[in-house]
Protein backbone atom coordinates (compact mmCIF):
# COMPACT_ATOMS: atom_id res chain seq x y z
CA MET A 1 109.96 95.92 -60.65
CA SER A 2 112.68 93.27 -60.68
CA GLU A 3 112.00 89.53 -60.83
CA GLU A 4 113.31 89.16 -57.29
CA ASN A 5 110.87 91.77 -55.97
CA THR A 6 108.03 90.22 -57.94
CA ALA A 7 108.69 86.84 -56.38
CA GLN A 8 108.86 88.44 -52.97
CA GLU A 9 105.52 90.16 -53.63
CA ILE A 10 103.83 86.90 -54.57
CA VAL A 11 104.98 84.77 -51.64
CA TRP A 12 104.83 87.34 -48.81
CA LYS A 13 102.72 86.44 -45.78
CA PRO A 14 102.73 88.10 -42.35
CA LYS A 15 104.58 86.25 -39.61
CA LYS A 16 101.93 87.03 -37.01
CA ASN A 17 98.34 85.82 -37.00
CA PRO A 18 96.31 88.16 -39.29
CA TRP A 19 93.50 88.33 -36.71
CA ILE A 20 96.00 89.67 -34.15
CA ILE A 21 97.27 92.22 -36.67
CA SER A 22 93.67 93.36 -37.20
CA ILE A 23 93.36 94.59 -33.59
CA PRO A 24 95.20 97.93 -33.97
CA LEU A 25 93.68 98.41 -37.42
CA MET A 26 90.12 98.04 -36.10
CA ILE A 27 90.83 100.29 -33.09
CA SER A 28 92.18 103.05 -35.35
CA MET A 29 89.43 102.69 -37.93
CA LEU A 30 86.64 102.75 -35.35
CA MET A 31 88.17 105.85 -33.76
CA PHE A 32 87.89 107.63 -37.12
CA VAL A 33 84.41 106.49 -38.19
CA LEU A 34 82.96 107.34 -34.76
CA ASP A 35 84.19 110.91 -35.09
CA GLU A 36 82.39 111.30 -38.42
CA THR A 37 79.04 111.54 -36.62
CA ILE A 38 79.82 111.95 -32.92
CA SER A 39 80.05 115.74 -33.28
CA ASN A 40 76.62 116.18 -34.88
CA VAL A 41 74.56 116.15 -31.68
CA ALA A 42 77.04 118.43 -29.87
CA LEU A 43 76.94 121.28 -32.40
CA PRO A 44 74.35 123.36 -30.46
CA TYR A 45 76.54 123.15 -27.34
CA MET A 46 79.66 124.12 -29.31
CA ALA A 47 77.80 127.06 -30.85
CA GLY A 48 76.97 128.25 -27.33
CA THR A 49 80.57 127.87 -26.16
CA PHE A 50 81.97 129.74 -29.16
CA SER A 51 79.14 132.34 -29.26
CA CYS A 52 78.33 131.60 -32.89
CA SER A 53 75.22 130.70 -34.87
CA HIS A 54 74.25 127.13 -35.76
CA ASN A 55 75.13 127.74 -39.44
CA GLU A 56 78.59 128.95 -38.43
CA SER A 57 79.09 125.92 -36.18
CA THR A 58 78.52 123.53 -39.12
CA TRP A 59 81.92 124.58 -40.47
CA ILE A 60 83.26 122.27 -37.75
CA LEU A 61 81.79 119.35 -39.71
CA THR A 62 82.56 120.79 -43.14
CA PHE A 63 86.31 121.22 -42.63
CA TYR A 64 86.62 117.73 -41.18
CA MET A 65 85.04 116.29 -44.32
CA ILE A 66 87.16 118.51 -46.57
CA ALA A 67 90.40 117.37 -44.90
CA SER A 68 89.54 113.67 -45.00
CA GLY A 69 88.42 114.02 -48.62
CA LEU A 70 91.71 115.67 -49.58
CA ILE A 71 94.03 113.18 -47.90
CA ILE A 72 92.39 109.92 -49.03
CA PRO A 73 93.50 110.16 -52.70
CA CYS A 74 97.04 110.98 -51.54
CA VAL A 75 97.35 107.83 -49.42
CA ASP A 76 99.11 105.75 -52.10
CA TYR A 77 101.70 108.48 -52.70
CA MET A 78 102.32 109.00 -48.99
CA CYS A 79 102.84 105.25 -48.49
CA LYS A 80 105.39 105.12 -51.29
CA LYS A 81 107.14 108.23 -50.01
CA PHE A 82 107.37 107.35 -46.30
CA GLY A 83 106.42 103.68 -46.04
CA ARG A 84 102.91 102.51 -45.24
CA ASN A 85 103.47 101.51 -41.62
CA ASN A 86 105.26 104.78 -40.88
CA TYR A 87 102.45 106.74 -42.48
CA PHE A 88 99.82 104.75 -40.59
CA LEU A 89 101.54 105.48 -37.26
CA PHE A 90 101.88 109.16 -38.17
CA SER A 91 98.16 109.33 -39.03
CA VAL A 92 97.23 107.79 -35.66
CA VAL A 93 99.41 110.33 -33.83
CA LEU A 94 98.08 113.30 -35.86
CA PHE A 95 94.48 112.23 -35.31
CA THR A 96 95.01 111.78 -31.56
CA VAL A 97 96.84 115.08 -31.07
CA ALA A 98 94.27 116.95 -33.17
CA SER A 99 91.48 115.35 -31.08
CA CYS A 100 93.06 116.81 -27.94
CA MET A 101 93.31 120.18 -29.67
CA CYS A 102 89.57 119.97 -30.47
CA GLY A 103 88.75 119.35 -26.82
CA LEU A 104 90.92 122.28 -25.71
CA SER A 105 89.67 124.75 -28.35
CA ARG A 106 88.06 127.90 -27.01
CA SER A 107 87.16 129.71 -30.23
CA LEU A 108 85.59 128.73 -33.53
CA PRO A 109 88.76 129.31 -35.64
CA GLU A 110 90.75 127.11 -33.24
CA MET A 111 88.11 124.40 -33.46
CA ILE A 112 87.96 124.52 -37.26
CA LEU A 113 91.77 124.26 -37.54
CA SER A 114 91.83 121.36 -35.07
CA ARG A 115 89.07 119.52 -36.93
CA PHE A 116 90.91 120.05 -40.24
CA LEU A 117 94.06 118.47 -38.78
CA GLN A 118 91.94 115.68 -37.32
CA GLY A 119 90.49 115.00 -40.78
CA LEU A 120 93.98 114.91 -42.32
CA GLY A 121 95.06 112.32 -39.79
CA GLY A 122 91.87 110.28 -39.73
CA GLY A 123 91.09 110.27 -43.44
CA ALA A 124 94.02 107.97 -44.17
CA LEU A 125 93.16 105.42 -41.46
CA LEU A 126 90.21 103.81 -43.23
CA PRO A 127 91.86 102.99 -46.61
CA LEU A 128 95.13 102.01 -44.91
CA ALA A 129 93.39 99.64 -42.51
CA GLN A 130 91.39 98.14 -45.36
CA SER A 131 94.41 97.54 -47.61
CA ILE A 132 96.55 96.09 -44.80
CA MET A 133 93.79 93.68 -43.74
CA LEU A 134 93.22 92.58 -47.33
CA GLU A 135 96.93 91.84 -47.77
CA CYS A 136 97.38 89.99 -44.48
CA PHE A 137 94.56 87.52 -45.14
CA SER A 138 94.56 84.96 -47.90
CA LYS A 139 91.84 85.37 -50.49
CA GLU A 140 89.97 82.44 -48.97
CA GLU A 141 89.84 84.22 -45.58
CA ARG A 142 89.13 87.72 -46.81
CA GLY A 143 85.38 87.28 -46.61
CA ARG A 144 85.47 86.86 -42.83
CA ALA A 145 88.06 89.62 -42.47
CA MET A 146 85.93 92.06 -44.45
CA ALA A 147 82.92 91.06 -42.34
CA LEU A 148 84.78 92.44 -39.33
CA PHE A 149 85.95 95.50 -41.25
CA GLY A 150 82.49 96.18 -42.71
CA PHE A 151 80.93 95.95 -39.28
CA GLY A 152 83.26 98.70 -38.09
CA VAL A 153 82.44 100.92 -41.09
CA ILE A 154 78.69 100.56 -40.47
CA ILE A 155 78.59 100.62 -36.66
CA GLY A 156 80.60 103.85 -36.30
CA PRO A 157 77.99 106.24 -37.80
CA ILE A 158 75.29 104.37 -35.84
CA VAL A 159 76.89 104.48 -32.39
CA GLY A 160 78.39 107.96 -32.87
CA PRO A 161 75.21 110.03 -32.22
CA ALA A 162 74.20 107.94 -29.18
CA LEU A 163 77.68 108.10 -27.65
CA GLY A 164 78.04 111.80 -28.47
CA GLY A 165 74.64 112.58 -26.97
CA TRP A 166 75.39 110.71 -23.74
CA ILE A 167 78.82 112.31 -23.27
CA THR A 168 77.51 115.79 -24.09
CA GLU A 169 74.57 115.59 -21.69
CA ASN A 170 76.37 113.85 -18.81
CA LEU A 171 79.87 115.35 -19.08
CA SER A 172 80.64 118.09 -21.60
CA TRP A 173 81.18 118.28 -25.34
CA PRO A 174 85.04 118.47 -25.18
CA TYR A 175 85.06 114.91 -23.82
CA ILE A 176 83.76 113.53 -27.13
CA TYR A 177 87.22 114.38 -28.46
CA MET A 178 89.32 113.80 -25.34
CA ILE A 179 88.26 110.14 -25.18
CA ASN A 180 90.37 109.64 -28.32
CA LEU A 181 93.55 110.22 -26.29
CA PRO A 182 93.69 106.82 -24.50
CA ILE A 183 92.27 105.08 -27.58
CA GLY A 184 94.87 106.71 -29.82
CA ILE A 185 97.71 105.78 -27.46
CA LEU A 186 96.48 102.18 -27.40
CA ALA A 187 96.21 102.15 -31.21
CA PHE A 188 99.76 103.52 -31.59
CA ILE A 189 101.34 101.04 -29.16
CA THR A 190 99.57 98.00 -30.61
CA SER A 191 100.31 99.13 -34.17
CA LYS A 192 104.00 99.55 -33.34
CA MET A 193 104.08 96.07 -31.83
CA LEU A 194 101.99 94.12 -34.34
CA LEU A 195 102.17 95.67 -37.80
CA GLU A 196 104.64 94.21 -40.29
CA GLU A 197 105.95 96.05 -43.33
CA SER A 198 104.96 94.23 -46.49
CA PRO A 199 106.73 94.69 -49.84
CA TYR A 200 103.53 96.29 -51.18
CA GLY A 201 103.74 99.11 -48.66
CA ALA A 202 107.49 99.61 -48.50
CA LYS A 203 109.10 102.99 -48.99
CA GLU A 204 110.13 103.62 -52.61
CA ALA A 205 112.88 105.84 -53.97
CA GLY A 206 112.31 108.52 -56.59
CA VAL A 207 108.58 108.94 -55.98
CA ARG A 208 107.31 112.15 -57.56
CA LEU A 209 104.34 114.19 -56.40
CA ASP A 210 101.67 115.06 -58.94
CA LYS A 211 101.49 118.76 -58.05
CA LEU A 212 98.85 119.59 -60.65
CA GLY A 213 96.77 116.68 -59.41
CA VAL A 214 96.96 118.01 -55.84
CA ILE A 215 95.90 121.50 -56.99
CA PHE A 216 92.93 120.22 -58.99
CA LEU A 217 91.99 117.76 -56.26
CA THR A 218 91.96 120.57 -53.69
CA GLY A 219 89.83 122.78 -55.93
CA TRP A 220 87.38 119.93 -56.54
CA ILE A 221 86.97 118.62 -52.99
CA VAL A 222 86.96 121.98 -51.17
CA THR A 223 84.38 123.62 -53.43
CA LEU A 224 82.24 120.48 -53.66
CA GLN A 225 82.06 120.06 -49.88
CA ILE A 226 81.21 123.73 -49.31
CA VAL A 227 78.45 123.59 -51.93
CA LEU A 228 77.02 120.37 -50.47
CA ASP A 229 77.09 121.66 -46.88
CA LYS A 230 75.94 125.24 -47.47
CA GLY A 231 74.03 125.04 -50.75
CA ASN A 232 70.64 124.32 -49.23
CA ASP A 233 70.86 127.35 -46.91
CA ALA A 234 71.77 129.55 -49.89
CA ASP A 235 68.92 128.29 -52.14
CA TRP A 236 71.34 126.27 -54.27
CA PHE A 237 71.69 127.61 -57.80
CA GLY A 238 69.57 130.61 -56.92
CA SER A 239 72.76 131.91 -55.28
CA THR A 240 75.58 133.37 -57.37
CA TRP A 241 78.37 132.04 -55.19
CA VAL A 242 76.94 128.49 -55.33
CA CYS A 243 76.95 128.67 -59.13
CA TRP A 244 80.56 129.85 -59.21
CA LEU A 245 81.80 127.25 -56.74
CA SER A 246 79.88 124.50 -58.57
CA ALA A 247 81.52 125.51 -61.85
CA ILE A 248 84.97 125.50 -60.21
CA SER A 249 84.25 122.09 -58.69
CA VAL A 250 83.17 120.53 -62.00
CA ILE A 251 86.13 121.98 -63.92
CA SER A 252 88.59 120.93 -61.20
CA CYS A 253 87.12 117.42 -61.15
CA ILE A 254 87.51 117.04 -64.92
CA LEU A 255 91.07 118.37 -64.84
CA PHE A 256 91.98 116.12 -61.90
CA PHE A 257 90.90 112.95 -63.70
CA TYR A 258 92.55 114.20 -66.91
CA THR A 259 95.91 114.64 -65.15
CA GLN A 260 95.57 111.19 -63.54
CA LEU A 261 95.04 109.60 -66.94
CA ARG A 262 97.75 111.64 -68.68
CA ASP A 263 100.58 111.32 -66.13
CA LYS A 264 100.16 107.70 -65.01
CA ASP A 265 103.73 107.42 -63.68
CA LYS A 266 103.22 110.01 -60.93
CA ALA A 267 99.41 109.99 -60.63
CA LEU A 268 97.91 110.31 -57.16
CA VAL A 269 95.30 107.73 -58.12
CA ASN A 270 95.89 104.89 -60.57
CA LEU A 271 92.63 104.74 -62.49
CA GLU A 272 93.55 101.43 -64.12
CA VAL A 273 91.69 99.61 -61.34
CA GLY A 274 88.47 101.05 -62.77
CA LYS A 275 88.76 98.65 -65.71
CA ASP A 276 88.00 95.75 -63.37
CA LYS A 277 84.22 95.20 -63.61
CA ASN A 278 83.84 93.89 -60.09
CA PHE A 279 85.74 96.87 -58.69
CA PHE A 280 83.86 99.39 -60.83
CA PHE A 281 80.30 98.21 -60.20
CA GLY A 282 81.05 97.25 -56.59
CA THR A 283 82.31 100.78 -55.98
CA VAL A 284 79.24 102.35 -57.64
CA ILE A 285 76.91 100.32 -55.40
CA GLN A 286 78.93 101.21 -52.31
CA ILE A 287 78.81 104.93 -53.19
CA ILE A 288 75.01 104.85 -53.25
CA LEU A 289 74.84 102.72 -50.10
CA MET A 290 77.10 105.18 -48.28
CA GLY A 291 74.78 108.01 -49.31
CA VAL A 292 71.82 106.04 -47.94
CA LEU A 293 73.70 105.13 -44.73
CA LEU A 294 74.87 108.65 -43.87
CA GLY A 295 71.72 110.32 -45.18
CA SER A 296 69.42 108.17 -43.05
CA ALA A 297 71.72 108.48 -40.03
CA ALA A 298 71.61 112.28 -40.42
CA ILE A 299 67.84 112.76 -40.64
CA LEU A 300 66.49 110.14 -38.23
CA PRO A 301 67.73 111.80 -34.99
CA SER A 302 66.59 115.24 -36.21
CA MET A 303 63.16 113.81 -37.10
CA LEU A 304 62.76 112.28 -33.65
CA GLN A 305 63.79 115.51 -31.94
CA SER A 306 61.71 117.89 -34.05
CA LEU A 307 58.53 115.81 -34.46
CA PHE A 308 58.42 113.47 -31.47
CA GLY A 309 60.18 115.48 -28.75
CA TYR A 310 63.11 113.12 -28.17
CA THR A 311 66.23 114.46 -26.44
CA SER A 312 69.56 114.32 -28.27
CA PHE A 313 70.55 111.29 -26.18
CA LEU A 314 67.28 109.41 -26.75
CA SER A 315 67.38 110.15 -30.48
CA GLY A 316 70.89 108.68 -30.53
CA ILE A 317 69.72 105.63 -28.57
CA SER A 318 67.02 105.08 -31.21
CA MET A 319 69.84 104.17 -33.63
CA LEU A 320 70.95 101.20 -31.52
CA PRO A 321 68.53 98.73 -33.20
CA ARG A 322 70.45 99.47 -36.39
CA GLY A 323 73.60 98.39 -34.55
CA ALA A 324 71.84 95.22 -33.43
CA GLY A 325 70.88 94.55 -37.03
CA SER A 326 74.50 95.06 -38.11
CA PHE A 327 75.70 92.62 -35.45
CA THR A 328 73.14 90.07 -36.64
CA GLY A 329 74.37 90.60 -40.18
CA ILE A 330 77.95 89.88 -39.13
CA ILE A 331 76.89 86.57 -37.58
CA ILE A 332 74.91 85.62 -40.69
CA SER A 333 77.81 86.59 -42.98
CA ALA A 334 80.21 84.44 -40.95
CA LEU A 335 77.85 81.46 -41.12
CA ILE A 336 76.86 81.62 -44.79
CA GLY A 337 79.73 83.58 -46.32
CA ASP A 338 81.40 80.53 -47.89
CA LYS A 339 78.14 78.77 -48.81
CA VAL A 340 76.05 81.45 -50.49
CA SER A 341 76.95 83.51 -53.54
CA GLU A 342 78.19 87.00 -52.69
CA ARG A 343 75.85 88.53 -55.24
CA LEU A 344 72.87 86.86 -53.57
CA GLN A 345 73.96 88.19 -50.18
CA VAL A 346 74.19 91.72 -51.59
CA LEU A 347 70.80 91.31 -53.29
CA VAL A 348 69.16 90.26 -50.00
CA GLY A 349 70.88 93.14 -48.20
CA LEU A 350 69.61 95.71 -50.71
CA ALA A 351 66.11 94.24 -50.47
CA LEU A 352 66.17 94.51 -46.66
CA ILE A 353 67.28 98.16 -46.79
CA GLY A 354 64.51 98.84 -49.31
CA CYS A 355 61.94 97.16 -47.05
CA GLY A 356 63.24 99.22 -44.11
CA GLY A 357 62.77 102.40 -46.13
CA LEU A 358 59.22 101.37 -47.06
CA ALA A 359 58.49 100.56 -43.39
CA PHE A 360 59.63 104.06 -42.43
CA GLY A 361 57.23 105.26 -45.13
CA GLN A 362 54.29 104.06 -43.00
CA MET A 363 55.03 106.42 -40.10
CA ASN A 364 52.60 108.78 -38.39
CA LEU A 365 52.82 111.13 -35.41
CA GLN A 366 51.40 108.51 -33.03
CA ILE A 367 53.97 105.78 -33.64
CA ALA A 368 55.51 103.76 -30.80
CA LEU A 369 59.23 103.11 -30.33
CA ILE A 370 58.93 99.67 -31.96
CA ASP A 371 57.81 101.38 -35.16
CA ILE A 372 61.23 103.07 -35.27
CA ALA A 373 63.22 100.10 -33.99
CA PHE A 374 62.07 97.51 -36.54
CA PRO A 375 62.86 99.49 -39.74
CA ASN A 376 66.16 100.52 -38.15
CA TYR A 377 66.97 96.88 -37.50
CA LEU A 378 66.25 96.09 -41.16
CA PHE A 379 68.54 98.95 -42.23
CA GLY A 380 71.42 97.66 -40.10
CA LEU A 381 70.94 94.04 -41.17
CA GLY A 382 70.67 94.99 -44.84
CA MET A 383 73.69 97.32 -44.76
CA THR A 384 75.91 94.61 -43.31
CA LEU A 385 74.72 91.88 -45.68
CA ALA A 386 75.25 94.22 -48.64
CA ILE A 387 78.49 96.04 -47.79
CA VAL A 388 80.52 93.17 -46.28
CA PRO A 389 80.54 90.93 -49.39
CA LEU A 390 80.79 93.99 -51.67
CA ILE A 391 84.09 95.12 -50.13
CA ASN A 392 85.60 91.69 -50.67
CA LEU A 393 84.02 91.13 -54.09
CA SER A 394 85.18 94.48 -55.45
CA MET A 395 88.82 93.78 -54.46
CA ILE A 396 89.13 90.04 -55.03
CA THR A 397 90.56 90.21 -58.57
CA LEU A 398 93.09 92.95 -57.82
CA LYS A 399 96.75 92.26 -57.11
CA ASN A 400 98.06 92.89 -53.61
CA SER A 401 100.27 95.65 -54.99
CA GLN A 402 97.11 97.47 -56.19
CA LEU A 403 95.16 97.30 -52.93
CA THR A 404 96.43 100.49 -51.27
CA ASN A 405 95.65 102.58 -54.34
CA ALA A 406 92.31 100.86 -54.94
CA SER A 407 91.24 101.23 -51.29
CA ALA A 408 92.11 104.94 -51.33
CA PHE A 409 90.27 105.53 -54.60
CA GLN A 410 87.20 103.60 -53.47
CA ASN A 411 87.03 105.33 -50.09
CA MET A 412 87.43 108.75 -51.72
CA LEU A 413 84.39 108.08 -53.91
CA LYS A 414 82.43 106.63 -50.97
CA ASN A 415 83.21 109.77 -48.95
CA ILE A 416 81.83 111.91 -51.75
CA GLY A 417 78.77 109.65 -52.03
CA GLY A 418 78.11 109.98 -48.29
CA ALA A 419 78.46 113.78 -48.44
CA ILE A 420 76.10 114.01 -51.41
CA GLY A 421 73.57 111.72 -49.71
CA ALA A 422 73.58 113.75 -46.48
CA SER A 423 73.26 117.01 -48.42
CA LEU A 424 70.51 115.84 -50.77
CA VAL A 425 68.39 114.46 -47.94
CA THR A 426 68.58 117.81 -46.12
CA THR A 427 67.33 119.52 -49.27
CA ILE A 428 64.59 116.91 -49.67
CA ILE A 429 63.30 117.58 -46.15
CA SER A 430 63.34 121.35 -46.70
CA ARG A 431 61.75 121.41 -50.15
CA PHE A 432 59.31 118.54 -49.78
CA SER A 433 57.92 119.89 -46.51
CA GLN A 434 57.11 123.13 -48.35
CA LYS A 435 55.50 121.16 -51.17
CA HIS A 436 53.30 119.14 -48.83
CA GLN A 437 52.36 122.23 -46.86
CA TYR A 438 51.28 123.94 -50.10
CA MET A 439 49.23 120.86 -51.05
CA MET A 440 47.50 120.55 -47.65
CA VAL A 441 46.84 124.19 -46.85
CA GLY A 442 43.99 124.21 -49.36
CA TYR A 443 42.00 122.01 -46.98
CA LEU A 444 42.14 124.59 -44.17
CA THR A 445 39.23 126.66 -45.45
CA GLY A 446 35.75 127.54 -44.28
CA THR A 447 34.26 125.31 -46.97
CA ASN A 448 35.78 122.21 -45.39
CA GLN A 449 33.32 121.10 -42.73
CA ASN A 450 35.88 118.86 -40.98
CA PHE A 451 38.20 121.85 -40.58
CA VAL A 452 35.37 124.03 -39.27
CA ASP A 453 34.29 121.38 -36.76
CA ARG A 454 37.87 120.90 -35.52
CA VAL A 455 38.45 124.65 -35.12
CA THR A 456 35.15 124.98 -33.25
CA ALA A 457 36.08 122.13 -30.88
CA TYR A 458 39.51 123.64 -30.18
CA ALA A 459 38.01 127.10 -29.65
CA GLN A 460 35.52 125.69 -27.15
CA SER A 461 38.37 124.12 -25.19
CA PHE A 462 40.12 127.52 -25.00
CA LEU A 463 37.06 129.48 -23.88
CA PRO A 464 37.32 128.60 -20.17
CA THR A 465 40.69 130.41 -20.11
CA THR A 466 39.80 133.29 -22.45
CA VAL A 467 36.86 135.69 -22.44
CA ASP A 468 37.12 136.59 -26.10
CA PRO A 469 35.65 134.05 -28.59
CA ALA A 470 37.55 135.68 -31.46
CA THR A 471 40.86 135.10 -29.66
CA ALA A 472 39.88 131.50 -28.97
CA THR A 473 39.11 130.99 -32.67
CA ASN A 474 42.45 132.51 -33.69
CA MET A 475 44.25 130.25 -31.21
CA ALA A 476 42.41 127.22 -32.62
CA GLN A 477 43.34 128.15 -36.18
CA GLY A 478 46.97 128.62 -35.10
CA LEU A 479 46.96 125.17 -33.51
CA MET A 480 45.57 123.66 -36.71
CA TYR A 481 48.32 125.35 -38.73
CA GLN A 482 50.97 123.96 -36.38
CA GLN A 483 49.54 120.49 -36.92
CA LEU A 484 49.63 121.06 -40.67
CA GLN A 485 53.31 122.01 -40.47
CA LEU A 486 54.09 118.88 -38.46
CA GLN A 487 52.24 116.69 -40.95
CA ALA A 488 53.97 118.36 -43.91
CA THR A 489 57.39 117.82 -42.31
CA LEU A 490 56.52 114.21 -41.48
CA TRP A 491 55.58 113.59 -45.11
CA ALA A 492 58.91 115.05 -46.21
CA TYR A 493 60.74 112.52 -44.00
CA ILE A 494 58.52 109.74 -45.37
CA ASP A 495 59.41 110.78 -48.93
CA ALA A 496 63.11 110.74 -48.04
CA PHE A 497 62.96 107.19 -46.69
CA ARG A 498 60.97 106.05 -49.72
CA ILE A 499 63.65 107.55 -51.97
CA PHE A 500 66.26 105.54 -50.04
CA ALA A 501 64.19 102.42 -50.67
CA ALA A 502 63.84 103.21 -54.39
CA ALA A 503 67.60 103.83 -54.72
CA CYS A 504 68.37 100.39 -53.24
CA PHE A 505 65.91 98.64 -55.54
CA MET A 506 67.23 100.54 -58.59
CA ILE A 507 70.88 99.51 -58.11
CA MET A 508 70.05 95.81 -57.86
CA PRO A 509 70.50 95.25 -61.66
CA LEU A 510 74.14 96.38 -61.34
CA LEU A 511 74.85 93.05 -59.65
CA LEU A 512 74.33 91.37 -63.03
CA PHE A 513 77.59 92.96 -64.23
CA MET A 514 79.58 91.45 -61.35
CA LYS A 515 80.79 87.86 -60.92
CA SER A 516 80.84 85.83 -57.74
CA ILE A 517 84.10 84.55 -56.30
CA ARG A 518 83.27 80.99 -57.41
CA GLU A 519 82.67 82.15 -60.99
CA LEU A 520 85.92 84.10 -60.99
CA ALA A 521 87.83 81.11 -59.60
CA LYS A 522 86.45 78.83 -62.34
CA GLU A 523 87.62 81.31 -64.96
CA GLY A 524 91.06 81.48 -63.34
CA LEU A 525 90.77 85.20 -62.59
CA ILE A 526 91.71 84.86 -58.92
CA VAL A 527 95.36 84.30 -58.16
CA ASP A 528 96.38 84.04 -54.51
CA GLU A 529 99.55 86.03 -54.05
């Protein structure tokens, strides 16, 4: 890069107010993160429309995740090839058009293709919005900017199930996609009016595509996502095809990172940013937090529906206290962001998530709504207090010219972390419920007087409607077994939430390897460009 371009890079500032520029970025980003979870509650309705099984309908989610996972690492290349603003506008258009295609789909193949295109368009919106916001704000203002951005990242998966449930029950499932049409048009118009092309995102000549990197990336992401989504149904490594796809995924992953390190001039992802300690450890913590966020968001509605009889809409509404906690966290971050060390904020956030997980670990089948709302509130508050300063802290020592690449790399890893978290928690529920059932079934014997007394009491209650005592006894024993299954499943959910809590407590020591913004400024490691 010439000296003239370097000087231009250092002094560039947007002409418009950065908070105004953030409007189209937040609209676009929220549109994408909402669609990550808004489809979950509508899958049974889609399966009915397309005359397919529930397992087949989950491909609608799988291909969306595959597409977004594939495009995120390519964001830096696409920005250099076409210009970042042009690529951002194209992504908004592709996402909006694909959303309309989803709403108009009348067969499963059409829906899968539409969701794949939607993922290709939407996957780029999050890292692009993050990098543009980071560049537009000075490093002194980035904390407040990332508070707004972090709130959008967290609130989307929380509001998605509630909004999807309401639309599905009161209108029809296609409308969960068709609502993106006016939002997408608004995002495109405001982006066209407000976004400014910075020298860091300008179109470059002679950019070469790392074809081998794309091949290995595709092999890695596609096979990994299929294994994560379908592995539990196939008994994981008890299935031959899971073993083969896992081997392909591991080999492709190794070869992808090898090509990125070997051919640095045309690499899809510049791994040099990984040498920055704040970026490295901040990304690791965010990967685990994204697994906890998406994992908990995936199992809580299903737990409320299967164990407590909630409707899809009510189970989605139960997530709103988490949104209230996130909103509270934004206010706290804005008030104390400049006064309290970022590491301390993250530490408190992790502790609150851990406490929320432990509170969920005290559940029983007779809990009231407040027993769900309070831990959810702690989750939302903790997530915001942890993620908001982490986003800023992990990027603060990077140059503006590195932000697009770093944002893409970080979001790719966070996507993978979220997919792994959601997959592992599904396996935990399935396997741990079997384990607890095996442990408890030994108490349902004739030598256990409590069991005998309970069966006798149930049988007596059935006798007025049946003339056969043997049938009444069998019905009583069946009822006891149903209760055992419910208790075993409940304990599996309790174990999952306790694992979330343990994960948050275990990553706390990683904060010792990071430095606060004040410490970095004293050492002269922060240079405002």
